[in-house]
C-alpha atoms as a PDB file:
ATOM      1  CA  MET A   1       9.905 -92.681 143.516  1.00  0.00           C
ATOM      2  CA  ALA A   2       9.040 -92.644 139.795  1.00  0.00           C
ATOM      3  CA  GLY A   3      11.710 -90.545 139.012  1.00  0.00           C
ATOM      4  CA  ARG A   4      14.586 -92.988 140.230  1.00  0.00           C
ATOM      5  CA  THR A   5      12.756 -96.036 138.793  1.00  0.00           C
ATOM      6  CA  ARG A   6      14.412 -97.344 135.836  1.00  0.00           C
ATOM      7  CA  LEU A   7      12.790 -99.566 133.265  1.00  0.00           C
ATOM      8  CA  PRO A   8      15.209-102.656 133.570  1.00  0.00           C
ATOM      9  CA  ASN A   9      14.414-102.898 137.135  1.00  0.00           C
ATOM     10  CA  TRP A  10      10.499-102.449 136.770  1.00  0.00           C
ATOM     11  CA  SER A  11      10.554-104.469 133.989  1.00  0.00           C
ATOM     12  CA  LEU A  12      12.088-107.390 135.581  1.00  0.00           C
ATOM     13  CA  ILE A  13       9.501-107.098 138.664  1.00  0.00           C
ATOM     14  CA  THR A  14       6.471-107.132 136.031  1.00  0.00           C
ATOM     15  CA  GLY A  15       7.761-109.912 134.472  1.00  0.00           C
ATOM     16  CA  SER A  16       7.415-111.894 137.212  1.00  0.00           C
ATOM     17  CA  ARG A  17       3.890-110.477 138.502  1.00  0.00           C
ATOM     18  CA  GLU A  18       2.332-109.947 134.958  1.00  0.00           C
ATOM     19  CA  LEU A  19       4.036-112.509 132.481  1.00  0.00           C
ATOM     20  CA  VAL A  20       5.442-115.528 134.003  1.00  0.00           C
ATOM     21  CA  GLY A  21       5.026-115.422 138.033  1.00  0.00           C
ATOM     22  CA  GLU A  22       1.954-115.468 140.584  1.00  0.00           C
ATOM     23  CA  ASN A  23      -0.575-114.341 137.509  1.00  0.00           C
ATOM     24  CA  GLN A  24       0.754-116.730 134.767  1.00  0.00           C
ATOM     25  CA  GLY A  25      -2.439-117.630 133.827  1.00  0.00           C
ATOM     26  CA  ARG A  26      -3.658-114.141 133.053  1.00  0.00           C
ATOM     27  CA  LYS A  27      -1.621-114.600 129.588  1.00  0.00           C
ATOM     28  CA  SER A  28      -0.892-117.523 127.457  1.00  0.00           C
ATOM     29  CA  PHE A  29       2.787-118.853 127.401  1.00  0.00           C
ATOM     30  CA  SER A  30       2.936-117.672 123.777  1.00  0.00           C
ATOM     31  CA  THR A  31       1.631-113.959 124.890  1.00  0.00           C
ATOM     32  CA  ARG A  32       4.586-114.134 127.626  1.00  0.00           C
ATOM     33  CA  ALA A  33       7.069-115.431 125.404  1.00  0.00           C
ATOM     34  CA  GLY A  34       6.105-112.604 122.650  1.00  0.00           C
ATOM     35  CA  TYR A  35       5.965-109.921 125.501  1.00  0.00           C
ATOM     36  CA  GLU A  36       9.766-110.888 126.407  1.00  0.00           C
ATOM     37  CA  SER A  37      11.301-111.330 123.150  1.00  0.00           C
ATOM     38  CA  TYR A  38      10.086-107.668 122.292  1.00  0.00           C
ATOM     39  CA  LEU A  39      11.189-106.626 125.622  1.00  0.00           C
ATOM     40  CA  ASN A  40      14.594-108.070 125.142  1.00  0.00           C
ATOM     41  CA  GLY A  41      15.015-107.562 121.429  1.00  0.00           C
ATOM     42  CA  TRP A  42      13.884-103.983 120.907  1.00  0.00           C
ATOM     43  CA  ILE A  43      12.474-102.152 124.144  1.00  0.00           C
ATOM     44  CA  LEU A  44      15.385-102.655 126.777  1.00  0.00           C
ATOM     45  CA  PRO A  45      18.233-102.124 124.723  1.00  0.00           C
ATOM     46  CA  ARG A  46      16.945 -98.540 123.541  1.00  0.00           C
ATOM     47  CA  TRP A  47      15.077 -97.385 126.818  1.00  0.00           C
ATOM     48  CA  GLY A  48      16.539 -99.499 129.493  1.00  0.00           C
ATOM     49  CA  ASP A  49      18.765 -96.817 130.754  1.00  0.00           C
ATOM     50  CA  HIS A  50      16.287 -93.934 131.041  1.00  0.00           C
ATOM     51  CA  ARG A  51      14.338 -93.317 133.459  1.00  0.00           C
ATOM     52  CA  LEU A  52      10.453 -93.647 133.129  1.00  0.00           C
ATOM     53  CA  ASP A  53       9.820 -90.053 133.208  1.00  0.00           C
ATOM     54  CA  HIS A  54      12.142 -89.144 130.867  1.00  0.00           C
ATOM     55  CA  VAL A  55      10.631 -91.578 128.016  1.00  0.00           C
ATOM     56  CA  LYS A  56       9.037 -88.947 125.621  1.00  0.00           C
ATOM     57  CA  SER A  57       6.091 -89.405 123.271  1.00  0.00           C
ATOM     58  CA  VAL A  58       8.085 -87.827 120.089  1.00  0.00           C
ATOM     59  CA  ALA A  59      11.136 -89.550 120.859  1.00  0.00           C
ATOM     60  CA  VAL A  60       9.273 -92.928 121.019  1.00  0.00           C
ATOM     61  CA  GLU A  61       7.477 -91.890 117.715  1.00  0.00           C
ATOM     62  CA  GLU A  62      10.477 -91.267 116.232  1.00  0.00           C
ATOM     63  CA  TRP A  63      12.027 -93.984 117.107  1.00  0.00           C
ATOM     64  CA  LEU A  64       9.519 -96.483 116.171  1.00  0.00           C
ATOM     65  CA  ASP A  65       9.382 -94.460 112.780  1.00  0.00           C
ATOM     66  CA  SER A  66      13.499 -95.373 112.465  1.00  0.00           C
ATOM     67  CA  ILE A  67      12.991 -99.187 112.860  1.00  0.00           C
ATOM     68  CA  LYS A  68      13.041-101.046 109.435  1.00  0.00           C
ATOM     69  CA  ARG A  69      10.325-103.330 110.368  1.00  0.00           C
ATOM     70  CA  ALA A  70       6.382-103.812 109.099  1.00  0.00           C
ATOM     71  CA  LYS A  71       3.877-101.313 110.468  1.00  0.00           C
ATOM     72  CA  GLY A  72       2.514-104.474 112.539  1.00  0.00           C
ATOM     73  CA  THR A  73       5.613-105.089 114.504  1.00  0.00           C
ATOM     74  CA  ARG A  74       6.413-101.444 115.552  1.00  0.00           C
ATOM     75  CA  ALA A  75       2.703-101.425 116.608  1.00  0.00           C
ATOM     76  CA  LYS A  76       3.198-104.405 118.670  1.00  0.00           C
ATOM     77  CA  ILE A  77       6.213-102.690 120.289  1.00  0.00           C
ATOM     78  CA  ARG A  78       4.272 -99.435 120.540  1.00  0.00           C
ATOM     79  CA  ASN A  79       1.572-101.526 122.311  1.00  0.00           C
ATOM     80  CA  ILE A  80       4.061-103.321 124.799  1.00  0.00           C
ATOM     81  CA  MET A  81       5.605-100.037 126.111  1.00  0.00           C
ATOM     82  CA  SER A  82       1.962 -98.735 126.409  1.00  0.00           C
ATOM     83  CA  ALA A  83       1.234-101.919 128.859  1.00  0.00           C
ATOM     84  CA  ILE A  84       4.575-101.490 130.769  1.00  0.00           C
ATOM     85  CA  PHE A  85       3.539 -97.702 131.645  1.00  0.00           C
ATOM     86  CA  HIS A  86      -0.104 -98.954 132.665  1.00  0.00           C
ATOM     87  CA  HIS A  87       1.081-101.562 134.751  1.00  0.00           C
ATOM     88  CA  ALA A  88       3.849 -98.811 136.198  1.00  0.00           C
ATOM     89  CA  MET A  89       0.717 -96.443 136.801  1.00  0.00           C
ATOM     90  CA  ARG A  90      -0.811 -99.379 138.608  1.00  0.00           C
ATOM     91  CA  TYR A  91       2.065 -99.721 141.140  1.00  0.00           C
ATOM     92  CA  GLU A  92       1.928 -96.009 141.481  1.00  0.00           C
ATOM     93  CA  TRP A  93       5.463 -95.500 140.104  1.00  0.00           C
ATOM     94  CA  VAL A  94       4.601 -92.874 137.090  1.00  0.00           C
ATOM     95  CA  GLU A  95       1.328 -90.771 136.714  1.00  0.00           C
ATOM     96  CA  ARG A  96       0.914 -90.977 132.941  1.00  0.00           C
ATOM     97  CA  ASN A  97       1.614 -93.283 129.976  1.00  0.00           C
ATOM     98  CA  PRO A  98       3.332 -91.192 127.480  1.00  0.00           C
ATOM     99  CA  ILE A  99       2.889 -94.132 124.732  1.00  0.00           C
ATOM    100  CA  LYS A 100      -0.480 -92.941 124.650  1.00  0.00           C
ATOM    101  CA  LEU A 101       0.312 -90.099 122.470  1.00  0.00           C
ATOM    102  CA  VAL A 102       2.421 -92.177 120.297  1.00  0.00           C
ATOM    103  CA  ARG A 103       0.958 -92.546 116.812  1.00  0.00           C
ATOM    104  CA  GLN A 104       1.967 -95.867 114.924  1.00  0.00           C
ATOM    105  CA  SER A 105      -0.199 -97.450 112.131  1.00  0.00           C
ATOM    106  CA  ALA A 106      -0.856-101.168 112.368  1.00  0.00           C
ATOM    107  CA  LYS A 107      -2.441-101.156 109.078  1.00  0.00           C
ATOM    108  CA  ARG A 108      -1.031-103.995 106.652  1.00  0.00           C
ATOM    109  CA  GLU A 109       1.652-103.124 104.049  1.00  0.00           C
ATOM    110  CA  ARG A 110       0.139-106.161 101.839  1.00  0.00           C
ATOM    111  CA  THR A 111      -3.152-108.023 101.414  1.00  0.00           C
ATOM    112  CA  PRO A 112      -2.176-111.872 102.899  1.00  0.00           C
ATOM    113  CA  ASP A 113      -2.071-114.822 100.285  1.00  0.00           C
ATOM    114  CA  ILE A 114      -4.870-116.710  99.811  1.00  0.00           C
ATOM    115  CA  LEU A 115      -5.461-120.035  97.938  1.00  0.00           C
ATOM    116  CA  GLU A 116      -7.978-120.295  95.247  1.00  0.00           C
ATOM    117  CA  LEU A 117     -10.319-123.097  95.424  1.00  0.00           C
ATOM    118  CA  THR A 118      -8.401-124.941  92.404  1.00  0.00           C
ATOM    119  CA  GLU A 119      -5.101-124.422  94.137  1.00  0.00           C
ATOM    120  CA  LEU A 120      -6.817-125.841  97.173  1.00  0.00           C
ATOM    121  CA  GLN A 121      -7.974-128.806  95.365  1.00  0.00           C
ATOM    122  CA  LEU A 122      -4.793-129.281  93.443  1.00  0.00           C
ATOM    123  CA  LEU A 123      -2.701-129.379  96.975  1.00  0.00           C
ATOM    124  CA  LEU A 124      -5.065-131.431  99.368  1.00  0.00           C
ATOM    125  CA  SER A 125      -4.967-133.954  96.235  1.00  0.00           C
ATOM    126  CA  LYS A 126      -0.950-133.864  96.229  1.00  0.00           C
ATOM    127  CA  LEU A 127      -0.165-134.090  99.982  1.00  0.00           C
ATOM    128  CA  ALA A 128       0.165-137.504 102.219  1.00  0.00           C
ATOM    129  CA  VAL A 129      -2.640-138.239 104.409  1.00  0.00           C
ATOM    130  CA  ARG A 130      -1.062-136.944 107.541  1.00  0.00           C
ATOM    131  CA  GLU A 131      -0.431-133.406 106.002  1.00  0.00           C
ATOM    132  CA  ARG A 132      -3.587-133.642 104.124  1.00  0.00           C
ATOM    133  CA  THR A 133      -5.911-134.141 107.005  1.00  0.00           C
ATOM    134  CA  LEU A 134      -4.110-131.143 108.841  1.00  0.00           C
ATOM    135  CA  ALA A 135      -4.255-128.974 106.102  1.00  0.00           C
ATOM    136  CA  LEU A 136      -8.372-129.873 105.372  1.00  0.00           C
ATOM    137  CA  LEU A 137      -9.026-129.428 108.999  1.00  0.00           C
ATOM    138  CA  ASP A 138      -6.962-125.979 108.821  1.00  0.00           C
ATOM    139  CA  ALA A 139      -8.656-125.353 105.716  1.00  0.00           C
ATOM    140  CA  ALA A 140     -12.589-126.456 106.470  1.00  0.00           C
ATOM    141  CA  THR A 141     -12.431-125.184 109.967  1.00  0.00           C
ATOM    142  CA  GLY A 142     -10.504-122.156 110.207  1.00  0.00           C
ATOM    143  CA  LEU A 143      -8.715-123.123 113.510  1.00  0.00           C
ATOM    144  CA  ARG A 144      -5.261-121.769 114.326  1.00  0.00           C
ATOM    145  CA  VAL A 145      -2.740-124.510 114.171  1.00  0.00           C
ATOM    146  CA  SER A 146      -1.451-124.269 117.818  1.00  0.00           C
ATOM    147  CA  LYS A 147      -5.332-125.723 118.175  1.00  0.00           C
ATOM    148  CA  LEU A 148      -5.393-128.350 115.833  1.00  0.00           C
ATOM    149  CA  LEU A 149      -2.056-129.812 116.936  1.00  0.00           C
ATOM    150  CA  ALA A 150      -3.430-129.611 120.399  1.00  0.00           C
ATOM    151  CA  LEU A 151      -6.240-132.139 119.866  1.00  0.00           C
ATOM    152  CA  ARG A 152      -6.208-135.649 121.332  1.00  0.00           C
ATOM    153  CA  TRP A 153      -8.349-138.457 120.081  1.00  0.00           C
ATOM    154  CA  CYS A 154     -10.772-138.101 123.015  1.00  0.00           C
ATOM    155  CA  ASP A 155     -11.481-134.588 121.535  1.00  0.00           C
ATOM    156  CA  VAL A 156     -12.817-135.971 118.179  1.00  0.00           C
ATOM    157  CA  ASP A 157     -16.615-136.702 118.711  1.00  0.00           C
ATOM    158  CA  PHE A 158     -17.001-139.103 115.325  1.00  0.00           C
ATOM    159  CA  GLU A 159     -21.024-139.517 116.610  1.00  0.00           C
ATOM    160  CA  ASP A 160     -21.928-135.964 117.019  1.00  0.00           C
ATOM    161  CA  LEU A 161     -19.580-134.695 114.078  1.00  0.00           C
ATOM    162  CA  GLU A 162     -17.748-132.043 116.408  1.00  0.00           C
ATOM    163  CA  LEU A 163     -14.001-130.898 117.715  1.00  0.00           C
ATOM    164  CA  ARG A 164     -13.999-130.246 121.285  1.00  0.00           C
ATOM    165  CA  VAL A 165     -11.316-127.435 121.279  1.00  0.00           C
ATOM    166  CA  THR A 166     -10.149-126.992 124.786  1.00  0.00           C
ATOM    167  CA  ARG A 167      -6.260-126.307 124.544  1.00  0.00           C
ATOM    168  CA  SER A 168      -3.668-124.654 122.247  1.00  0.00           C
ATOM    169  CA  ILE A 169       0.047-125.595 122.067  1.00  0.00           C
ATOM    170  CA  TRP A 170       2.937-123.582 121.188  1.00  0.00           C
ATOM    171  CA  HIS A 171       6.698-124.285 121.671  1.00  0.00           C
ATOM    172  CA  GLN A 172       5.128-127.521 123.113  1.00  0.00           C
ATOM    173  CA  VAL A 173       3.981-126.088 125.702  1.00  0.00           C
ATOM    174  CA  LEU A 174       0.227-126.691 126.316  1.00  0.00           C
ATOM    175  CA  GLY A 175      -2.478-123.949 127.563  1.00  0.00           C
ATOM    176  CA  ASN A 176      -6.162-123.446 127.783  1.00  0.00           C
ATOM    177  CA  CYS A 177      -8.062-121.629 125.099  1.00  0.00           C
ATOM    178  CA  LYS A 178      -8.213-117.814 125.935  1.00  0.00           C
ATOM    179  CA  THR A 179     -11.590-116.687 125.187  1.00  0.00           C
ATOM    180  CA  GLU A 180     -15.220-118.424 125.470  1.00  0.00           C
ATOM    181  CA  ALA A 181     -15.441-118.202 121.777  1.00  0.00           C
ATOM    182  CA  SER A 182     -12.340-120.279 121.084  1.00  0.00           C
ATOM    183  CA  ALA A 183     -13.493-122.989 123.362  1.00  0.00           C
ATOM    184  CA  LYS A 184     -16.473-123.716 121.909  1.00  0.00           C
ATOM    185  CA  PRO A 185     -17.082-127.185 120.313  1.00  0.00           C
ATOM    186  CA  VAL A 186     -16.228-126.841 116.286  1.00  0.00           C
ATOM    187  CA  PRO A 187     -18.602-128.957 113.813  1.00  0.00           C
ATOM    188  CA  MET A 188     -17.176-131.127 111.855  1.00  0.00           C
ATOM    189  CA  ASP A 189     -17.717-132.516 108.139  1.00  0.00           C
ATOM    190  CA  SER A 190     -18.572-135.981 107.267  1.00  0.00           C
ATOM    191  CA  TYR A 191     -15.293-135.935 104.739  1.00  0.00           C
ATOM    192  CA  MET A 192     -13.226-134.394 107.555  1.00  0.00           C
ATOM    193  CA  ALA A 193     -14.510-137.474 109.756  1.00  0.00           C
ATOM    194  CA  GLU A 194     -13.313-139.838 107.522  1.00  0.00           C
ATOM    195  CA  ASP A 195      -9.974-138.502 106.774  1.00  0.00           C
ATOM    196  CA  LEU A 196      -9.367-138.510 110.347  1.00  0.00           C
ATOM    197  CA  LEU A 197     -10.462-142.250 110.626  1.00  0.00           C
ATOM    198  CA  ARG A 198      -8.054-142.821 108.159  1.00  0.00           C
ATOM    199  CA  LEU A 199      -4.999-141.433 109.621  1.00  0.00           C
ATOM    200  CA  ARG A 200      -6.017-143.026 113.050  1.00  0.00           C
ATOM    201  CA  ARG A 201      -5.833-146.168 111.472  1.00  0.00           C
ATOM    202  CA  GLN A 202      -2.388-145.595 110.144  1.00  0.00           C
ATOM    203  CA  SER A 203      -1.245-143.825 113.405  1.00  0.00           C
ATOM    204  CA  VAL A 204       1.108-145.678 115.818  1.00  0.00           C
ATOM    205  CA  TYR A 205      -0.626-143.767 118.795  1.00  0.00           C
ATOM    206  CA  THR A 206      -4.358-144.317 118.818  1.00  0.00           C
ATOM    207  CA  SER A 207      -5.375-144.805 122.237  1.00  0.00           C
ATOM    208  CA  ASP A 208      -8.103-141.864 123.506  1.00  0.00           C
ATOM    209  CA  ASP A 209      -5.233-139.674 125.318  1.00  0.00           C
ATOM    210  CA  ASP A 210      -2.505-139.784 122.507  1.00  0.00           C
ATOM    211  CA  TYR A 211      -2.312-136.790 120.263  1.00  0.00           C
ATOM    212  CA  VAL A 212      -3.868-136.893 116.770  1.00  0.00           C
ATOM    213  CA  PHE A 213      -1.033-135.632 115.044  1.00  0.00           C
ATOM    214  CA  ALA A 214       1.602-137.378 117.895  1.00  0.00           C
ATOM    215  CA  SER A 215       5.251-137.110 116.729  1.00  0.00           C
ATOM    216  CA  GLU A 216       6.785-140.701 116.300  1.00  0.00           C
ATOM    217  CA  THR A 217      10.420-139.226 117.029  1.00  0.00           C
ATOM    218  CA  LYS A 218       9.064-138.079 120.352  1.00  0.00           C
ATOM    219  CA  ARG A 219       7.501-141.298 120.875  1.00  0.00           C
ATOM    220  CA  GLY A 220       3.832-139.434 121.106  1.00  0.00           C
ATOM    221  CA  LYS A 221       4.693-137.418 123.976  1.00  0.00           C
ATOM    222  CA  GLN A 222       4.585-134.343 121.921  1.00  0.00           C
ATOM    223  CA  PRO A 223       2.658-133.572 118.627  1.00  0.00           C
ATOM    224  CA  TYR A 224       4.670-132.100 115.109  1.00  0.00           C
ATOM    225  CA  TRP A 225       6.038-128.988 115.222  1.00  0.00           C
ATOM    226  CA  PRO A 226       4.157-126.981 112.882  1.00  0.00           C
ATOM    227  CA  ASP A 227       7.018-125.052 111.078  1.00  0.00           C
ATOM    228  CA  ASN A 228       8.432-128.827 110.327  1.00  0.00           C
ATOM    229  CA  LEU A 229       5.451-129.868 108.729  1.00  0.00           C
ATOM    230  CA  MET A 230       4.995-126.523 106.689  1.00  0.00           C
ATOM    231  CA  LYS A 231       8.143-126.435 105.723  1.00  0.00           C
ATOM    232  CA  ARG A 232       9.203-129.554 104.871  1.00  0.00           C
ATOM    233  CA  HIS A 233       6.266-131.455 103.479  1.00  0.00           C
ATOM    234  CA  ILE A 234       3.506-128.889 102.762  1.00  0.00           C
ATOM    235  CA  GLN A 235       5.741-125.775 100.857  1.00  0.00           C
ATOM    236  CA  PRO A 236       7.504-128.079  98.719  1.00  0.00           C
ATOM    237  CA  VAL A 237       4.782-129.862  97.393  1.00  0.00           C
ATOM    238  CA  ALA A 238       3.019-126.412  96.578  1.00  0.00           C
ATOM    239  CA  LYS A 239       5.974-125.612  95.232  1.00  0.00           C
ATOM    240  CA  ALA A 240       6.381-128.560  93.014  1.00  0.00           C
ATOM    241  CA  ILE A 241       2.762-128.394  91.480  1.00  0.00           C
ATOM    242  CA  GLY A 242       3.385-124.435  90.469  1.00  0.00           C
ATOM    243  CA  ILE A 243       1.800-122.795  93.563  1.00  0.00           C
ATOM    244  CA  HIS A 244       4.359-119.943  94.298  1.00  0.00           C
ATOM    245  CA  LYS A 245       2.516-117.710  97.232  1.00  0.00           C
ATOM    246  CA  LYS A 246       3.746-117.452 100.422  1.00  0.00           C
ATOM    247  CA  ILE A 247       1.754-120.536 102.224  1.00  0.00           C
ATOM    248  CA  GLY A 248       1.786-120.474 105.819  1.00  0.00           C
ATOM    249  CA  TRP A 249      -0.891-122.190 108.028  1.00  0.00           C
ATOM    250  CA  HIS A 250      -2.534-118.630 108.591  1.00  0.00           C
ATOM    251  CA  THR A 251      -3.127-118.915 104.493  1.00  0.00           C
ATOM    252  CA  PHE A 252      -5.522-122.105 105.049  1.00  0.00           C
ATOM    253  CA  ARG A 253      -7.422-119.549 107.593  1.00  0.00           C
ATOM    254  CA  HIS A 254      -8.188-116.953 105.169  1.00  0.00           C
ATOM    255  CA  SER A 255      -8.858-119.019 102.361  1.00  0.00           C
ATOM    256  CA  PHE A 256     -11.467-120.320 104.734  1.00  0.00           C
ATOM    257  CA  GLY A 257     -13.143-117.190 105.362  1.00  0.00           C
ATOM    258  CA  THR A 258     -13.000-116.054 101.755  1.00  0.00           C
ATOM    259  CA  LEU A 259     -14.556-119.088 100.752  1.00  0.00           C
ATOM    260  CA  LEU A 260     -17.282-118.659 103.254  1.00  0.00           C
ATOM    261  CA  LYS A 261     -17.855-115.049 102.089  1.00  0.00           C
ATOM    262  CA  ALA A 262     -18.157-116.324  98.384  1.00  0.00           C
ATOM    263  CA  ASN A 263     -20.649-118.824  99.128  1.00  0.00           C
ATOM    264  CA  GLY A 264     -23.020-115.866 100.663  1.00  0.00           C
ATOM    265  CA  GLU A 265     -22.817-116.820 104.596  1.00  0.00           C
ATOM    266  CA  ASP A 266     -24.159-114.827 107.237  1.00  0.00           C
ATOM    267  CA  VAL A 267     -22.115-112.726 109.090  1.00  0.00           C
ATOM    268  CA  LYS A 268     -22.920-114.402 112.371  1.00  0.00           C
ATOM    269  CA  THR A 269     -22.250-117.671 110.755  1.00  0.00           C
ATOM    270  CA  VAL A 270     -18.578-116.769 109.760  1.00  0.00           C
ATOM    271  CA  GLN A 271     -17.847-115.228 112.897  1.00  0.00           C
ATOM    272  CA  GLU A 272     -18.590-118.271 114.995  1.00  0.00           C
ATOM    273  CA  LEU A 273     -17.036-120.700 112.246  1.00  0.00           C
ATOM    274  CA  LEU A 274     -13.763-118.409 112.623  1.00  0.00           C
ATOM    275  CA  ARG A 275     -14.177-118.220 116.830  1.00  0.00           C
ATOM    276  CA  HIS A 276     -13.954-114.350 116.734  1.00  0.00           C
ATOM    277  CA  ALA A 277     -14.778-113.165 120.658  1.00  0.00           C
ATOM    278  CA  ASN A 278     -15.315-109.680 119.140  1.00  0.00           C
ATOM    279  CA  SER A 279     -16.210-108.606 115.762  1.00  0.00           C
ATOM    280  CA  ARG A 280     -16.131-104.621 114.320  1.00  0.00           C
ATOM    281  CA  ILE A 281     -19.101-105.482 112.225  1.00  0.00           C
ATOM    282  CA  THR A 282     -22.250-104.878 114.560  1.00  0.00           C
ATOM    283  CA  LEU A 283     -24.167-108.076 115.325  1.00  0.00           C
ATOM    284  CA  ASP A 284     -27.369-108.671 117.116  1.00  0.00           C
ATOM    285  CA  VAL A 285     -26.482-110.187 120.398  1.00  0.00           C
ATOM    286  CA  TYR A 286     -29.279-112.620 120.172  1.00  0.00           C
ATOM    287  CA  THR A 287     -28.471-114.270 116.964  1.00  0.00           C
ATOM    288  CA  GLN A 288     -27.019-117.115 117.381  1.00  0.00           C
ATOM    289  CA  ALA A 289     -25.786-119.366 114.267  1.00  0.00           C
ATOM    290  CA  VAL A 290     -27.127-123.082 115.317  1.00  0.00           C
ATOM    291  CA  ASN A 291     -24.364-126.032 114.400  1.00  0.00           C
ATOM    292  CA  SER A 292     -26.574-127.243 111.726  1.00  0.00           C
ATOM    293  CA  ASN A 293     -26.241-123.985 109.713  1.00  0.00           C
ATOM    294  CA  LYS A 294     -22.414-123.894 110.682  1.00  0.00           C
ATOM    295  CA  ARG A 295     -21.848-127.429 109.545  1.00  0.00           C
ATOM    296  CA  ALA A 296     -23.816-127.213 106.405  1.00  0.00           C
ATOM    297  CA  ALA A 297     -21.577-123.636 105.398  1.00  0.00           C
ATOM    298  CA  GLN A 298     -18.623-125.703 106.392  1.00  0.00           C
ATOM    299  CA  SER A 299     -19.741-128.969 104.308  1.00  0.00           C
ATOM    300  CA  LYS A 300     -20.128-126.525 101.327  1.00  0.00           C
ATOM    301  CA  VAL A 301     -16.298-125.372 101.466  1.00  0.00           C
ATOM    302  CA  VAL A 302     -15.363-128.952 101.907  1.00  0.00           C
ATOM    303  CA  ARG A 303     -17.270-130.532  98.663  1.00  0.00           C
ATOM    304  CA  MET A 304     -15.672-127.394  96.990  1.00  0.00           C
ATOM    305  CA  MET A 305     -12.207-128.511  97.885  1.00  0.00           C
ATOM    306  CA  VAL A 306     -13.027-132.483  97.288  1.00  0.00           C
ATOM    307  CA  PRO A 307     -15.404-132.747  94.919  1.00  0.00           C
ATOM    308  CA  ASP A 308     -14.780-136.551  94.514  1.00  0.00           C
ATOM    309  CA  MET A 309     -15.428-137.325  98.035  1.00  0.00           C
ATOM    310  CA  GLY A 310     -17.520-140.266  96.963  1.00  0.00           C
ATOM    311  CA  GLN A 311     -20.702-142.175  98.258  1.00  0.00           C
ATOM    312  CA  LYS A 312     -19.489-144.162 101.108  1.00  0.00           C
ATOM    313  CA  VAL A 313     -19.179-140.916 103.474  1.00  0.00           C
ATOM    314  CA  GLU A 314     -22.679-140.379 102.695  1.00  0.00           C
ATOM    315  CA  GLU A 315     -24.052-143.420 103.773  1.00  0.00           C
ATOM    316  CA  LYS A 316     -21.429-143.609 106.864  1.00  0.00           C
ATOM    317  CA  TYR A 317     -22.886-140.464 108.101  1.00  0.00           C
ATOM    318  CA  PRO A 318     -26.190-139.633 106.466  1.00  0.00           C
ATOM    319  CA  GLN A 319     -27.354-137.373 109.427  1.00  0.00           C
ATOM    320  CA  THR A 320     -25.071-134.440 107.800  1.00  0.00           C
ATOM    321  CA  HIS A 321     -26.770-133.999 104.555  1.00  0.00           C
ATOM    322  CA  GLN A 322     -30.416-134.349 105.270  1.00  0.00           C
END
């Protein structure tokens, strides 16, 4: 049966079972959409007419080498093909996975841009309240923008200075956080709380169930699209003040990690602040970075980025600075 099964037919069955059907909770919406994009854009056009037992390791490797895309993209294609054969083995359509022998490096071809401290300070000082608040949250929590845009006002704990991050949103589809590490509360510096209060006072949508970054054009039913905010509001401001680096939402996350490292924070604290479920660095599994240590580490970064925050915040949230 394996020799007669063709990849398009099998991929449709796998799609219904593994990506969008009965087990859709196993993968996030963004992951499922990404798989389908790579399947339809790359894998099926090249290998869709091949019998599964005719897909050979060397041929796949040569094909990947011929694709004029970044190594990371080619590695994703390879990994999805490997997952396809893994599931085919589970359904007993094939006996082996030829993609396991395909060599494809995922090493970055260029180091991602980060913003220097002076660039962050200048950019934050020039952004409007909405974009400044979102950029500061991104740069001082390291959260992915999909999680920041999914925040509702009920997720912001102004008393305990925490963000309860339980959801993410991608292409306006809400989903739950995928790992235990990504669902932990995030410490919130007092200046960030003041920024959020300022945004809330200016917003039309201020009830607990409203999105923090609710789109007025969608009457608050959806948050803003991240690409629109970045391309129409943040990147033009950065360019106008002389920052010509390739800035995206992940730039703030990389910058946060770099500043934490420059401050000499311990690896466990950095890992928990960046919400990594696993680390390549061997960590003591019994060591926990407590919230006070994480907030103190974060506060150092915030004060570097916003040196003129003033005394009012200190008086409003004195417990953060004891």
